[in-house]
Protein backbone atom coordinates (compact mmCIF):
# COMPACT_ATOMS: atom_id res chain seq x y z
CA MET A 1 -28.17 10.73 58.48
CA SER A 2 -28.35 14.38 57.46
CA LYS A 3 -29.76 14.96 54.02
CA ASP A 4 -27.25 17.76 53.43
CA VAL A 5 -24.04 15.90 54.21
CA ILE A 6 -22.08 14.95 51.11
CA ARG A 7 -18.41 14.44 51.77
CA SER A 8 -15.47 12.75 50.14
CA LEU A 9 -13.95 11.19 53.23
CA LYS A 10 -14.67 7.75 51.82
CA GLY A 11 -14.21 5.89 48.58
CA VAL A 12 -12.01 3.00 47.54
CA ALA A 13 -8.40 2.46 46.56
CA VAL A 14 -8.40 0.93 43.09
CA ARG A 15 -5.39 -0.20 41.10
CA HIS A 16 -4.58 2.42 38.50
CA TYR A 17 -3.48 0.37 35.47
CA LYS A 18 -2.43 3.59 33.72
CA ASN A 19 -0.62 1.54 31.09
CA THR A 20 -0.87 4.14 28.34
CA GLU A 21 0.05 7.28 30.25
CA ASP A 22 3.26 7.77 28.28
CA TYR A 23 1.74 6.88 24.90
CA VAL A 24 1.54 10.01 22.76
CA THR A 25 -1.80 10.36 20.99
CA GLU A 26 -1.91 8.88 17.50
CA THR A 27 -4.38 10.19 14.93
CA MET A 28 -6.54 7.49 13.40
CA PRO A 29 -7.35 7.92 9.69
CA GLU A 30 -11.00 8.25 8.83
CA PRO A 31 -12.77 4.92 8.27
CA ASP A 32 -14.84 4.10 5.18
CA LYS A 33 -18.05 4.90 7.07
CA VAL A 34 -19.03 6.80 10.18
CA TYR A 35 -22.24 6.39 12.17
CA LEU A 36 -23.38 9.57 13.91
CA PRO A 37 -26.20 9.04 16.44
CA CYS A 38 -28.52 12.01 16.89
CA VAL A 39 -28.34 11.59 20.67
CA GLN A 40 -24.84 12.13 22.04
CA HIS A 41 -25.80 14.25 25.02
CA MET A 42 -28.25 14.70 27.85
CA GLY A 43 -31.40 16.46 26.74
CA ALA A 44 -33.58 16.63 23.66
CA PRO A 45 -32.56 14.45 20.71
CA CYS A 46 -31.44 16.08 17.48
CA THR A 47 -33.16 15.66 14.13
CA PRO A 48 -31.18 15.02 10.93
CA VAL A 49 -30.86 18.07 8.65
CA VAL A 50 -29.41 15.98 5.81
CA LYS A 51 -30.87 13.18 3.73
CA PRO A 52 -29.46 10.16 1.90
CA GLY A 53 -27.50 11.21 -1.17
CA ASP A 54 -26.43 14.58 0.24
CA LEU A 55 -22.75 15.46 -0.03
CA VAL A 56 -21.20 16.73 3.20
CA LYS A 57 -17.87 18.12 4.29
CA VAL A 58 -15.91 17.97 7.51
CA GLY A 59 -17.52 20.18 10.13
CA GLN A 60 -20.89 20.41 8.36
CA LEU A 61 -24.01 20.38 10.52
CA VAL A 62 -25.90 17.09 10.08
CA ALA A 63 -28.32 17.09 13.02
CA ASP A 64 -29.76 19.74 15.31
CA CYS A 65 -32.66 20.58 17.60
CA GLU A 66 -34.52 23.83 18.27
CA LYS A 67 -34.82 23.08 21.98
CA PRO A 68 -32.12 24.77 24.04
CA PHE A 69 -31.25 21.66 26.08
CA SER A 70 -29.58 19.88 23.21
CA SER A 71 -26.33 19.86 21.25
CA PRO A 72 -25.77 19.81 17.46
CA VAL A 73 -23.98 17.02 15.61
CA TYR A 74 -21.41 17.66 12.88
CA SER A 75 -19.89 15.44 10.22
CA SER A 76 -16.45 14.13 11.07
CA VAL A 77 -15.68 13.19 7.45
CA SER A 78 -16.33 14.46 3.96
CA GLY A 79 -18.38 12.22 1.73
CA LYS A 80 -21.96 11.20 1.01
CA VAL A 81 -24.86 10.52 3.36
CA ALA A 82 -25.58 6.83 2.77
CA ALA A 83 -28.55 6.32 5.08
CA LEU A 84 -30.54 7.43 8.10
CA GLU A 85 -30.79 4.32 10.27
CA ASP A 86 -32.69 3.45 13.41
CA PHE A 87 -30.23 3.13 16.23
CA ILE A 88 -30.41 1.95 19.84
CA ASN A 89 -27.52 3.13 21.95
CA PRO A 90 -25.99 1.04 24.76
CA GLN A 91 -28.27 2.72 27.33
CA GLY A 92 -31.31 1.54 25.37
CA VAL A 93 -32.22 4.96 23.94
CA ARG A 94 -33.74 4.74 20.47
CA THR A 95 -32.69 7.42 18.00
CA GLN A 96 -31.49 7.82 14.42
CA ALA A 97 -27.95 7.51 13.19
CA ILE A 98 -26.62 9.32 10.14
CA VAL A 99 -24.41 7.01 8.09
CA ILE A 100 -21.82 8.81 5.98
CA GLU A 101 -19.59 7.14 3.41
CA ALA A 102 -16.21 8.85 3.51
CA ASP A 103 -14.56 10.00 0.29
CA HIS A 104 -11.20 10.19 2.13
CA LYS A 105 -10.61 13.74 0.94
CA GLN A 106 -11.39 15.26 4.34
CA GLU A 107 -12.46 18.54 2.81
CA LEU A 108 -13.25 21.13 5.46
CA LEU A 109 -16.49 23.09 5.10
CA GLU A 110 -15.62 26.43 3.45
CA THR A 111 -17.66 28.53 5.86
CA ILE A 112 -15.82 27.37 8.97
CA ALA A 113 -14.10 30.27 10.71
CA PRO A 114 -13.41 31.33 14.30
CA PRO A 115 -16.64 32.67 15.85
CA GLU A 116 -16.93 36.34 16.68
CA VAL A 117 -17.22 36.60 20.44
CA THR A 118 -17.63 39.96 22.12
CA ASP A 119 -19.82 39.34 25.16
CA THR A 120 -21.48 36.63 27.24
CA GLU A 121 -24.35 36.14 24.81
CA SER A 122 -22.12 35.63 21.78
CA PHE A 123 -19.81 33.40 23.85
CA LEU A 124 -22.65 31.11 24.89
CA LYS A 125 -23.91 31.03 21.31
CA ALA A 126 -20.44 29.97 20.15
CA VAL A 127 -20.27 27.27 22.81
CA ARG A 128 -23.62 25.93 21.68
CA ASN A 129 -22.58 25.98 18.02
CA SER A 130 -19.38 24.10 18.83
CA GLY A 131 -21.36 20.99 19.73
CA LEU A 132 -19.51 20.73 23.04
CA VAL A 133 -20.88 18.57 25.84
CA GLY A 134 -19.16 17.33 28.96
CA LEU A 135 -16.44 15.15 27.47
CA GLY A 136 -15.69 13.22 30.62
CA GLY A 137 -19.12 12.34 31.95
CA ALA A 138 -22.81 12.25 31.16
CA GLY A 139 -22.67 14.56 28.13
CA PHE A 140 -24.34 17.60 29.69
CA PRO A 141 -24.53 20.37 27.04
CA THR A 142 -21.83 22.87 27.98
CA HIS A 143 -23.74 25.98 26.90
CA ILE A 144 -26.47 25.06 29.37
CA LYS A 145 -23.95 24.59 32.18
CA LEU A 146 -22.46 28.03 31.46
CA SER A 147 -25.86 29.77 31.18
CA LEU A 148 -26.15 30.86 34.79
CA ARG A 149 -29.36 31.96 36.48
CA ASP A 150 -27.44 34.25 38.80
CA PRO A 151 -23.97 34.93 37.37
CA ALA A 152 -22.96 37.21 40.22
CA LYS A 153 -23.12 34.33 42.69
CA VAL A 154 -20.72 32.05 40.78
CA ASP A 155 -17.18 32.82 41.88
CA THR A 156 -15.32 29.53 41.41
CA LEU A 157 -14.37 27.35 38.47
CA VAL A 158 -13.19 23.79 39.13
CA ILE A 159 -11.38 21.90 36.38
CA ASN A 160 -11.67 18.13 36.63
CA ILE A 161 -8.50 16.29 35.68
CA ALA A 162 -8.81 13.68 38.43
CA GLU A 163 -9.22 10.82 35.93
CA CYS A 164 -9.75 8.43 38.83
CA GLU A 165 -10.99 5.49 36.73
CA PRO A 166 -8.43 2.73 36.13
CA TYR A 167 -6.87 2.41 32.65
CA ILE A 168 -8.06 5.76 31.24
CA THR A 169 -5.30 8.26 30.38
CA SER A 170 -6.92 10.45 27.72
CA ASP A 171 -7.34 13.46 30.05
CA TYR A 172 -3.75 13.02 31.20
CA ARG A 173 -2.54 13.10 27.60
CA ASN A 174 -4.66 16.21 27.08
CA VAL A 175 -2.63 17.94 29.80
CA MET A 176 0.70 16.73 28.45
CA GLU A 177 -0.07 17.54 24.80
CA ASP A 178 -2.60 20.41 24.93
CA GLY A 179 -1.90 21.94 28.33
CA PRO A 180 -1.81 25.59 27.15
CA ASP A 181 -5.32 25.18 25.75
CA ILE A 182 -6.58 24.33 29.23
CA VAL A 183 -5.27 27.64 30.54
CA ASP A 184 -6.65 29.55 27.54
CA GLY A 185 -10.04 27.92 28.04
CA ILE A 186 -10.04 28.90 31.72
CA ASP A 187 -9.37 32.53 30.80
CA LEU A 188 -12.22 32.50 28.27
CA VAL A 189 -14.71 31.20 30.80
CA ARG A 190 -13.51 33.72 33.40
CA LYS A 191 -13.92 36.52 30.88
CA TYR A 192 -17.46 35.74 29.80
CA VAL A 193 -19.12 33.70 32.57
CA GLY A 194 -20.03 34.74 36.10
CA LYS A 195 -17.69 36.60 38.44
CA ILE A 196 -15.05 33.90 38.73
CA GLU A 197 -12.26 34.81 41.11
CA ASN A 198 -10.88 31.38 41.93
CA VAL A 199 -9.94 28.46 39.72
CA TYR A 200 -8.98 25.05 41.09
CA ILE A 201 -7.53 22.32 38.89
CA GLY A 202 -8.13 19.01 40.63
CA VAL A 203 -5.57 16.33 39.74
CA GLU A 204 -4.98 13.03 41.51
CA ASP A 205 -1.47 12.73 42.89
CA ASN A 206 -0.73 9.63 40.79
CA LYS A 207 -0.07 12.06 37.91
CA PRO A 208 3.03 13.97 39.08
CA LYS A 209 4.11 14.97 35.57
CA ALA A 210 0.71 16.50 34.85
CA ILE A 211 0.75 18.35 38.16
CA GLN A 212 4.21 19.74 37.43
CA LYS A 213 3.24 20.80 33.91
CA LEU A 214 0.09 22.54 35.09
CA GLN A 215 2.02 24.33 37.83
CA VAL A 216 4.46 25.66 35.23
CA LEU A 217 1.65 26.73 32.89
CA THR A 218 -0.17 28.61 35.66
CA GLN A 219 2.78 30.05 37.59
CA ASN A 220 1.96 33.61 36.48
CA LYS A 221 -1.78 33.27 37.08
CA SER A 222 -2.42 33.78 40.77
CA TYR A 223 -6.13 33.01 40.46
CA ILE A 224 -5.44 29.42 39.35
CA LYS A 225 -4.47 26.83 41.93
CA VAL A 226 -3.35 23.37 40.90
CA PHE A 227 -4.85 21.13 43.56
CA PRO A 228 -3.21 17.69 43.96
CA MET A 229 -5.60 15.20 45.54
CA ARG A 230 -4.90 11.88 47.20
CA SER A 231 -5.53 9.19 44.63
CA GLN A 232 -8.75 7.57 45.74
CA TYR A 233 -11.76 6.64 43.67
CA PRO A 234 -14.13 8.48 43.00
CA LYS A 235 -12.30 11.80 43.41
CA GLY A 236 -13.45 12.83 39.92
CA ALA A 237 -17.17 12.75 40.81
CA GLU A 238 -18.54 16.27 40.54
CA LYS A 239 -19.83 16.71 44.10
CA VAL A 240 -16.82 14.95 45.57
CA LEU A 241 -14.43 17.12 43.56
CA ILE A 242 -16.18 20.31 44.66
CA TYR A 243 -15.87 19.33 48.30
CA GLU A 244 -12.23 18.34 47.89
CA THR A 245 -11.17 21.58 46.24
CA THR A 246 -13.47 24.19 47.80
CA GLY A 247 -14.96 22.63 50.92
CA ARG A 248 -18.44 23.47 49.64
CA VAL A 249 -21.27 20.96 49.88
CA VAL A 250 -23.69 20.44 46.99
CA GLY A 251 -26.76 19.14 48.82
CA ASP A 252 -29.62 17.04 47.54
CA GLY A 253 -31.55 18.73 44.77
CA MET A 254 -28.82 21.31 44.21
CA ILE A 255 -26.49 21.93 41.29
CA PRO A 256 -22.91 23.24 41.59
CA ALA A 257 -23.95 26.77 40.59
CA ASP A 258 -26.15 26.87 43.70
CA VAL A 259 -22.97 26.91 45.78
CA GLY A 260 -21.15 29.29 43.44
CA VAL A 261 -19.21 26.71 41.43
CA ILE A 262 -18.90 25.58 37.82
CA VAL A 263 -17.17 22.27 37.12
CA MET A 264 -15.66 21.51 33.71
CA ASN A 265 -13.66 18.57 32.45
CA GLY A 266 -10.08 19.45 31.44
CA THR A 267 -10.56 18.15 27.90
CA SER A 268 -13.81 20.09 27.54
CA ILE A 269 -12.25 23.41 28.47
CA ALA A 270 -9.24 22.79 26.22
CA PHE A 271 -11.57 22.11 23.29
CA LEU A 272 -13.37 25.37 24.00
CA ALA A 273 -10.14 27.30 23.46
CA GLN A 274 -9.41 25.32 20.31
CA PHE A 275 -12.87 26.02 18.87
CA LEU A 276 -12.69 29.75 19.46
CA ARG A 277 -9.29 29.75 17.76
CA THR A 278 -10.22 27.63 14.73
CA GLY A 279 -14.01 27.44 14.43
CA ILE A 280 -13.84 23.67 13.90
CA PRO A 281 -16.67 22.05 15.88
CA LEU A 282 -16.48 18.86 17.90
CA ILE A 283 -15.79 16.17 15.28
CA SER A 284 -13.13 13.98 16.90
CA LYS A 285 -12.23 12.61 20.29
CA ARG A 286 -9.09 11.49 22.11
CA ILE A 287 -9.71 8.11 23.75
CA THR A 288 -7.72 5.45 25.52
CA VAL A 289 -7.87 1.96 24.01
CA ASP A 290 -6.62 -0.68 26.43
CA GLY A 291 -7.29 -4.06 27.98
CA SER A 292 -5.83 -7.54 27.77
CA ALA A 293 -7.71 -8.33 24.54
CA VAL A 294 -6.18 -5.39 22.62
CA THR A 295 -3.02 -6.10 20.65
CA THR A 296 -1.51 -2.60 20.92
CA PRO A 297 -3.06 -0.33 23.56
CA LYS A 298 -2.93 3.33 22.56
CA ASN A 299 -4.23 6.81 23.09
CA ILE A 300 -5.78 7.82 19.79
CA ARG A 301 -7.70 10.68 18.27
CA ALA A 302 -10.54 9.19 16.25
CA PRO A 303 -13.35 10.72 14.20
CA LEU A 304 -16.69 10.77 15.97
CA GLY A 305 -18.87 8.03 14.52
CA ALA A 306 -15.98 5.63 13.88
CA ARG A 307 -17.06 2.12 14.78
CA PHE A 308 -15.20 0.44 17.61
CA ALA A 309 -14.27 -2.32 15.18
CA ASP A 310 -12.33 0.22 13.11
CA ILE A 311 -10.74 1.69 16.23
CA ILE A 312 -9.62 -1.74 17.41
CA ALA A 313 -8.24 -2.48 13.94
CA PHE A 314 -6.14 0.69 14.17
CA CYS A 315 -4.77 -0.70 17.45
CA GLY A 316 -3.67 -3.93 15.81
CA GLY A 317 -6.88 -5.88 16.25
CA TYR A 318 -7.69 -8.32 19.02
CA LYS A 319 -4.94 -10.23 20.78
CA ARG A 320 -7.57 -12.65 22.04
CA GLU A 321 -11.32 -12.90 21.91
CA PRO A 322 -12.82 -10.16 24.08
CA LYS A 323 -15.19 -11.42 26.76
CA LYS A 324 -16.18 -7.94 27.89
CA MET A 325 -16.06 -4.54 26.19
CA LEU A 326 -16.60 -1.23 27.94
CA MET A 327 -17.28 2.32 26.83
CA GLY A 328 -15.46 4.14 29.61
CA GLY A 329 -13.74 2.78 32.69
CA PRO A 330 -14.23 -0.46 34.61
CA MET A 331 -16.01 1.26 37.52
CA MET A 332 -18.68 3.31 35.72
CA GLY A 333 -18.27 2.33 32.08
CA ILE A 334 -21.09 0.94 29.95
CA THR A 335 -20.89 -2.64 28.76
CA ILE A 336 -21.34 -3.06 25.02
CA PHE A 337 -22.23 -6.30 23.33
CA ASN A 338 -20.26 -5.95 20.09
CA ASP A 339 -17.84 -3.62 18.39
CA ASN A 340 -20.34 -2.14 15.93
CA TYR A 341 -21.16 0.76 18.23
CA PRO A 342 -19.72 4.14 17.20
CA LEU A 343 -17.53 6.56 19.11
CA ILE A 344 -19.61 9.38 20.58
CA LYS A 345 -18.78 12.72 22.17
CA ASN A 346 -18.58 11.78 25.84
CA ASN A 347 -16.77 8.47 25.43
CA ASN A 348 -13.20 8.67 26.73
CA ALA A 349 -12.11 5.03 26.59
CA LEU A 350 -12.67 1.67 24.94
CA LEU A 351 -11.59 -1.25 27.11
CA CYS A 352 -11.58 -4.87 25.95
CA PHE A 353 -10.86 -7.69 28.38
CA GLY A 354 -10.27 -11.40 28.04
CA GLU A 355 -11.73 -14.20 30.10
CA ALA A 356 -9.24 -14.03 32.98
CA GLU A 357 -10.31 -10.51 34.05
CA THR A 358 -14.02 -11.04 33.57
CA LYS A 359 -14.68 -14.40 35.16
CA ALA A 360 -17.78 -13.92 37.28
CA ILE A 361 -17.81 -14.90 40.95
CA PRO A 362 -21.27 -16.02 42.14
CA GLU A 363 -23.10 -13.79 44.58
CA SER A 364 -23.61 -15.01 48.10
CA ALA A 365 -25.65 -13.83 51.07
CA CYS A 366 -24.93 -10.47 52.69
CA ILE A 367 -22.80 -10.95 55.81
CA ARG A 368 -23.63 -7.46 57.18
CA CYS A 369 -19.97 -6.46 57.27
CA GLY A 370 -20.69 -2.79 56.55
CA ARG A 371 -17.94 -2.39 53.96
CA CYS A 372 -20.37 -0.88 51.45
CA VAL A 373 -21.38 1.76 53.99
CA ARG A 374 -17.78 2.62 54.80
CA ALA A 375 -16.89 2.92 51.11
CA CYS A 376 -19.80 5.07 49.93
CA PRO A 377 -18.65 8.68 49.37
CA PHE A 378 -22.20 9.89 49.99
CA GLN A 379 -22.71 7.97 53.25
CA LEU A 380 -25.47 5.77 51.88
CA MET A 381 -26.38 2.31 53.16
CA PRO A 382 -26.35 0.07 50.06
CA ALA A 383 -27.19 -3.16 51.91
CA ALA A 384 -30.25 -1.54 53.44
CA ILE A 385 -31.23 -0.10 50.07
CA ASP A 386 -30.92 -3.57 48.58
CA LYS A 387 -33.27 -4.98 51.23
CA ALA A 388 -35.80 -2.16 50.76
CA TYR A 389 -35.78 -2.55 46.98
CA ARG A 390 -36.36 -6.29 47.19
CA ALA A 391 -39.38 -5.50 49.36
CA ARG A 392 -40.43 -2.73 46.90
CA ASP A 393 -40.68 -0.36 49.87
CA ALA A 394 -40.77 3.07 48.24
CA GLU A 395 -40.98 5.03 51.49
CA LYS A 396 -37.98 3.22 52.93
CA LEU A 397 -35.98 3.87 49.74
CA LYS A 398 -36.74 7.57 50.03
CA ALA A 399 -35.70 7.56 53.67
CA LEU A 400 -32.42 5.93 52.66
CA TYR A 401 -31.78 8.69 50.06
CA VAL A 402 -31.24 6.27 47.21
CA GLY A 403 -31.69 9.18 44.78
CA ARG A 404 -28.35 10.51 45.96
CA CYS A 405 -26.48 7.51 44.55
CA MET A 406 -24.25 8.42 41.62
CA GLU A 407 -23.65 4.75 40.73
CA CYS A 408 -19.89 4.99 41.24
CA GLY A 409 -19.66 1.28 42.03
CA CYS A 410 -17.69 1.56 45.28
CA CYS A 411 -20.21 -0.60 47.14
CA SER A 412 -20.04 -3.44 44.63
CA TYR A 413 -16.24 -3.17 44.45
CA VAL A 414 -15.72 -3.79 48.18
CA CYS A 415 -18.53 -6.30 48.76
CA PRO A 416 -17.02 -9.64 49.85
CA ALA A 417 -20.28 -11.37 48.86
CA LYS A 418 -19.90 -9.96 45.32
CA ARG A 419 -23.41 -8.55 45.39
CA ASN A 420 -24.20 -6.16 42.54
CA LEU A 421 -25.32 -3.39 44.87
CA VAL A 422 -24.80 -0.57 42.38
CA LEU A 423 -27.22 -2.27 39.98
CA THR A 424 -29.78 -2.55 42.76
CA ASN A 425 -29.38 1.15 43.51
CA ARG A 426 -29.98 1.93 39.84
CA LEU A 427 -33.08 -0.25 39.76
CA ALA A 428 -34.31 1.30 43.00
CA LYS A 429 -34.06 4.80 41.55
CA GLY A 430 -35.97 3.65 38.50
CA PHE A 431 -38.61 2.09 40.75
CA LEU A 432 -39.10 5.40 42.59
CA ARG A 433 -39.42 7.28 39.30
CA GLU A 434 -42.01 4.75 38.18
CA GLN A 435 -43.95 5.17 41.41
CA ALA A 436 -43.81 8.97 41.14
CA SER A 437 -45.25 8.84 37.62
CA LYS A 438 -48.31 6.89 38.66
CA PRO A 439 -51.51 8.91 39.15
CA ALA A 440 -52.39 9.57 42.77
CA ALA A 441 -55.07 7.33 44.24
CA LYS A 442 -58.45 9.00 44.65
């Protein structure tokens, strides 16, 4: 197996369940309290710049970090800082959360104004000050992504509107409701970042209305190509999307810029245009709320920091007791154990399911059918990785390129033995990191 081959010829066909695609976004009123974690991104955690008793307004900075690989946090409500609480997010990261009691006046900070942008440096500063991170994925700070080591070598921008996860329709609604902002955001990035000549908007072909709308919006912009893709999970994965749209391969240890590409989520680039027009930082998020346990599924715009309990209440409460709740989609979403967690920047869905959809099927022995190998978009061998991890064979795991796994879940989805192969891959990567951190034997 070549270490440089990463293709999208594989994957799985998942049922779409795009139940809310035609549901226009509803704006949720601010709750009585918001909980703003200081870690809502990849990178260094922020530190609160407010203290209990402080009065804050909408858009006011409440947490920041001097390190460049970070992203500031802003208040989504006006009111009073009630507390700084210890907080453990669903990934197990310990941080602080700023609790703000809303006064329900929603007074905007007086100093908010569109940023003055004249060149690349001021553009990147504005992006950093906006608080923007990747809104459809891991929360990578956008100003870092756009700060290129060699701008002259980056000639392509890929916009990710694949939205290949079942149930989620928030990016689709972004196209249908804020489509012009996507185009404006593209033009801003082209103006200030790299030497971008080509723009590809990747959209799965199960969204014909979005494809048509984008084609109309870009008909006079020859450098933008709307690129319909066959609907197959995980077309929205960064490396897969790059190969689909450009034919370029992002090899192991490389980032998209190494092959001349920047990838941005469609909602992220639309927000960028909105921020430069208004100066209002990232303080709210459009998310899909769906699942059999939700009374009234919706697409909503909610304040960052709103508890999921408040979001569910806005959607009519629970139809039945939820047996499983997910931040994100059913393939790569994060399971949460209660609805007290708050909405954060890179969360695009809240899914709540009843017992029928979540009944566990016991694992059985591997039958060596090879379905996991055929499904993996990166040509890995999950069953072999599983065997090597159980033996704690670090050298074998390296030889099997387990570090390439993006944890998309295709292997677990197709496994007839219902083995949780994606979890094993995750544990195997952690095992290798643990081994690498140990001091070398003398």
